[in-house]
């Protein structure tokens, strides 16, 4: 039986923190599904198509190195429901600090009650990327700051284009 993992987020934009978790999760499963959350109540900087495209580009080398397929999908319902729909038995959640742990633990317990067959696995962010948060990266980019320490060159270019378009 194939082990399928699910890693979800808004990925607005995809950061080096996200790709760190993706690379480490990819070594633990036979297939990884990345779910881009699309919710009407949120107004992201990047469209869902742009976020999917960014993740497709950013995860190609990771998939090749891990020797597994990585599929990027969108979902608008509960992450645990999407994980089940894609056949995942594991949900990966990245942790940066204790605040993340407290929130993610609550979520894992609730998901466990709704879908007992889907386990949550916490992956601690690597020290080099532990401080990166997508919302802060967006703010820095929109205010003209240098985001290259936090995202790939390709994502930095996309952010610069968005920032120019908003001026």
Protein backbone atom coordinates (compact mmCIF):
# COMPACT_ATOMS: atom_id res chain seq x y z
CA UNK A 1 0.00 0.00 0.00
CA UNK A 2 1.28 3.44 -0.98
CA UNK A 3 1.84 6.01 1.77
CA UNK A 4 0.30 9.31 0.71
CA UNK A 5 0.97 12.52 2.61
CA UNK A 6 -0.92 15.81 2.50
CA UNK A 7 0.59 19.22 3.27
CA UNK A 8 -1.70 22.22 3.11
CA UNK A 9 -1.43 25.96 3.39
CA UNK A 10 -2.23 29.19 1.64
CA UNK A 11 1.29 29.42 0.14
CA UNK A 12 0.85 33.13 -0.51
CA UNK A 13 3.72 33.08 -1.45
CA UNK A 14 5.58 29.79 -1.14
CA UNK A 15 8.61 30.44 1.07
CA UNK A 16 11.85 28.64 1.84
CA UNK A 17 10.15 27.56 5.06
CA UNK A 18 7.45 25.81 3.05
CA UNK A 19 9.93 24.10 0.74
CA UNK A 20 11.96 22.98 3.76
CA UNK A 21 8.92 21.16 5.17
CA UNK A 22 7.97 19.80 1.73
CA UNK A 23 11.45 18.36 1.17
CA UNK A 24 11.51 16.68 4.56
CA UNK A 25 7.95 15.34 4.26
CA UNK A 26 8.72 13.97 0.77
CA UNK A 27 11.31 11.64 2.28
CA UNK A 28 8.65 10.01 4.47
CA UNK A 29 5.96 9.09 1.94
CA UNK A 30 5.53 7.48 -1.48
CA UNK A 31 3.49 10.40 -2.81
CA UNK A 32 2.95 13.92 -1.50
CA UNK A 33 -0.10 16.04 -2.24
CA UNK A 34 0.24 19.75 -1.58
CA UNK A 35 -3.10 21.42 -0.98
CA UNK A 36 -3.44 25.12 -1.72
CA UNK A 37 -6.27 26.43 0.42
CA UNK A 38 -8.74 28.58 -1.47
CA UNK A 39 -11.25 30.33 0.75
CA UNK A 40 -13.68 33.05 -0.33
CA UNK A 41 -13.18 34.99 2.92
CA UNK A 42 -9.48 35.55 2.18
CA UNK A 43 -7.99 37.88 -0.40
CA UNK A 44 -4.54 36.54 -1.22
CA UNK A 45 -1.86 38.47 -3.08
CA UNK A 46 -1.47 35.64 -5.61
CA UNK A 47 -4.34 33.92 -7.40
CA UNK A 48 -4.88 30.21 -6.82
CA UNK A 49 -3.45 29.47 -10.30
CA UNK A 50 -0.33 31.51 -9.52
CA UNK A 51 0.17 29.73 -6.20
CA UNK A 52 -0.23 26.31 -7.84
CA UNK A 53 2.22 27.30 -10.58
CA UNK A 54 4.77 28.57 -8.02
CA UNK A 55 4.53 25.32 -6.07
CA UNK A 56 4.83 23.23 -9.24
CA UNK A 57 8.08 25.03 -10.09
CA UNK A 58 9.44 25.04 -6.53
CA UNK A 59 8.78 21.33 -5.92
CA UNK A 60 10.14 19.79 -9.15
CA UNK A 61 13.66 19.36 -7.81
CA UNK A 62 12.33 18.16 -4.44
CA UNK A 63 10.21 15.47 -6.11
CA UNK A 64 13.17 14.36 -8.21
CA UNK A 65 15.54 14.22 -5.23
CA UNK A 66 13.03 12.26 -3.12
CA UNK A 67 12.08 10.00 -6.02
CA UNK A 68 8.35 10.52 -5.49
CA UNK A 69 5.53 12.30 -7.28
CA UNK A 70 4.40 15.60 -5.81
CA UNK A 71 0.98 16.81 -6.88
CA UNK A 72 -0.28 20.33 -6.25
CA UNK A 73 -4.04 20.72 -5.87
CA UNK A 74 -6.50 23.31 -4.58
CA UNK A 75 -9.20 22.78 -1.98
CA UNK A 76 -11.90 24.93 -0.43
CA UNK A 77 -13.11 22.64 2.37
CA UNK A 78 -11.48 21.33 5.53
CA UNK A 79 -7.87 20.23 5.08
CA UNK A 80 -8.66 16.87 6.71
CA UNK A 81 -11.49 16.33 4.22
CA UNK A 82 -9.19 17.19 1.32
CA UNK A 83 -6.54 14.83 2.72
CA UNK A 84 -9.08 12.01 2.81
CA UNK A 85 -10.29 12.80 -0.71
CA UNK A 86 -6.74 12.47 -2.04
CA UNK A 87 -6.16 9.21 -0.17
CA UNK A 88 -3.69 10.59 2.37
CA UNK A 89 -3.06 8.72 5.58
CA UNK A 90 -0.77 11.46 6.92
CA UNK A 91 -1.17 15.22 7.23
CA UNK A 92 2.13 17.08 7.59
CA UNK A 93 2.24 20.28 9.61
CA UNK A 94 5.29 22.48 9.95
CA UNK A 95 6.21 23.90 13.33
CA UNK A 96 8.28 27.04 13.83
CA UNK A 97 7.81 27.55 17.55
CA UNK A 98 5.71 26.76 20.60
CA UNK A 99 2.86 28.98 19.43
CA UNK A 100 2.59 26.91 16.24
CA UNK A 101 2.67 23.75 18.33
CA UNK A 102 -0.22 24.83 20.56
CA UNK A 103 -2.42 25.73 17.58
CA UNK A 104 -1.44 22.69 15.49
CA UNK A 105 -1.98 20.31 18.41
CA UNK A 106 -5.57 21.51 18.77
CA UNK A 107 -6.10 21.12 15.03
CA UNK A 108 -4.53 17.63 15.03
CA UNK A 109 -6.81 16.50 17.84
CA UNK A 110 -9.92 17.81 16.11
CA UNK A 111 -8.85 16.30 12.78
CA UNK A 112 -8.19 13.02 14.57
CA UNK A 113 -11.76 12.94 15.83
CA UNK A 114 -13.18 13.73 12.39
CA UNK A 115 -10.87 11.33 10.53
CA UNK A 116 -9.23 8.76 12.85
CA UNK A 117 -7.47 7.05 9.93
CA UNK A 118 -5.51 10.22 9.08
CA UNK A 119 -2.54 10.89 11.35
CA UNK A 120 -0.91 14.28 11.82
CA UNK A 121 2.88 14.40 11.74
CA UNK A 122 4.62 17.53 12.98
CA UNK A 123 7.80 18.53 11.19
CA UNK A 124 9.99 21.05 12.98
CA UNK A 125 11.27 23.74 10.65
CA UNK A 126 15.00 23.81 10.10
CA UNK A 127 16.75 26.52 12.14
CA UNK A 128 17.72 28.46 8.99
CA UNK A 129 14.08 28.98 7.99
CA UNK A 130 12.26 28.83 11.32
CA UNK A 131 11.69 32.59 11.40
CA UNK A 132 10.07 32.86 7.95
CA UNK A 133 6.35 33.66 7.76
CA UNK A 134 4.59 34.21 4.42
CA UNK A 135 2.55 37.15 5.75
CA UNK A 136 5.74 38.97 6.75
CA UNK A 137 7.37 38.15 3.41
CA UNK A 138 4.36 39.72 1.64
CA UNK A 139 4.60 42.86 3.79
CA UNK A 140 8.33 43.22 3.16
CA UNK A 141 7.85 42.79 -0.60
CA UNK A 142 4.94 45.23 -0.82
CA UNK A 143 6.97 47.83 1.07
CA UNK A 144 9.92 47.47 -1.30
CA UNK A 145 12.15 45.36 0.93
CA UNK A 146 14.51 42.55 -0.06
CA UNK A 147 12.81 39.15 0.26
CA UNK A 148 15.63 37.09 -1.28
CA UNK A 149 16.66 35.56 2.08
CA UNK A 150 13.14 34.14 2.50
CA UNK A 151 12.04 32.91 -0.94
CA UNK A 152 13.55 31.48 -4.11
CA UNK A 153 14.71 33.84 -6.88
CA UNK A 154 11.66 32.98 -8.96
CA UNK A 155 9.24 33.78 -6.16
CA UNK A 156 11.16 36.98 -5.37
CA UNK A 157 10.67 38.11 -8.99
CA UNK A 158 6.94 37.35 -8.79
CA UNK A 159 6.69 39.33 -5.55
CA UNK A 160 8.53 42.29 -7.09
CA UNK A 161 6.13 42.25 -10.05
CA UNK A 162 3.12 42.21 -7.71
CA UNK A 163 4.59 45.05 -5.63
CA UNK A 164 5.16 47.20 -8.73
CA UNK A 165 1.63 46.54 -9.98
CA UNK A 166 0.18 47.73 -6.65
CA UNK A 167 1.97 51.10 -6.75
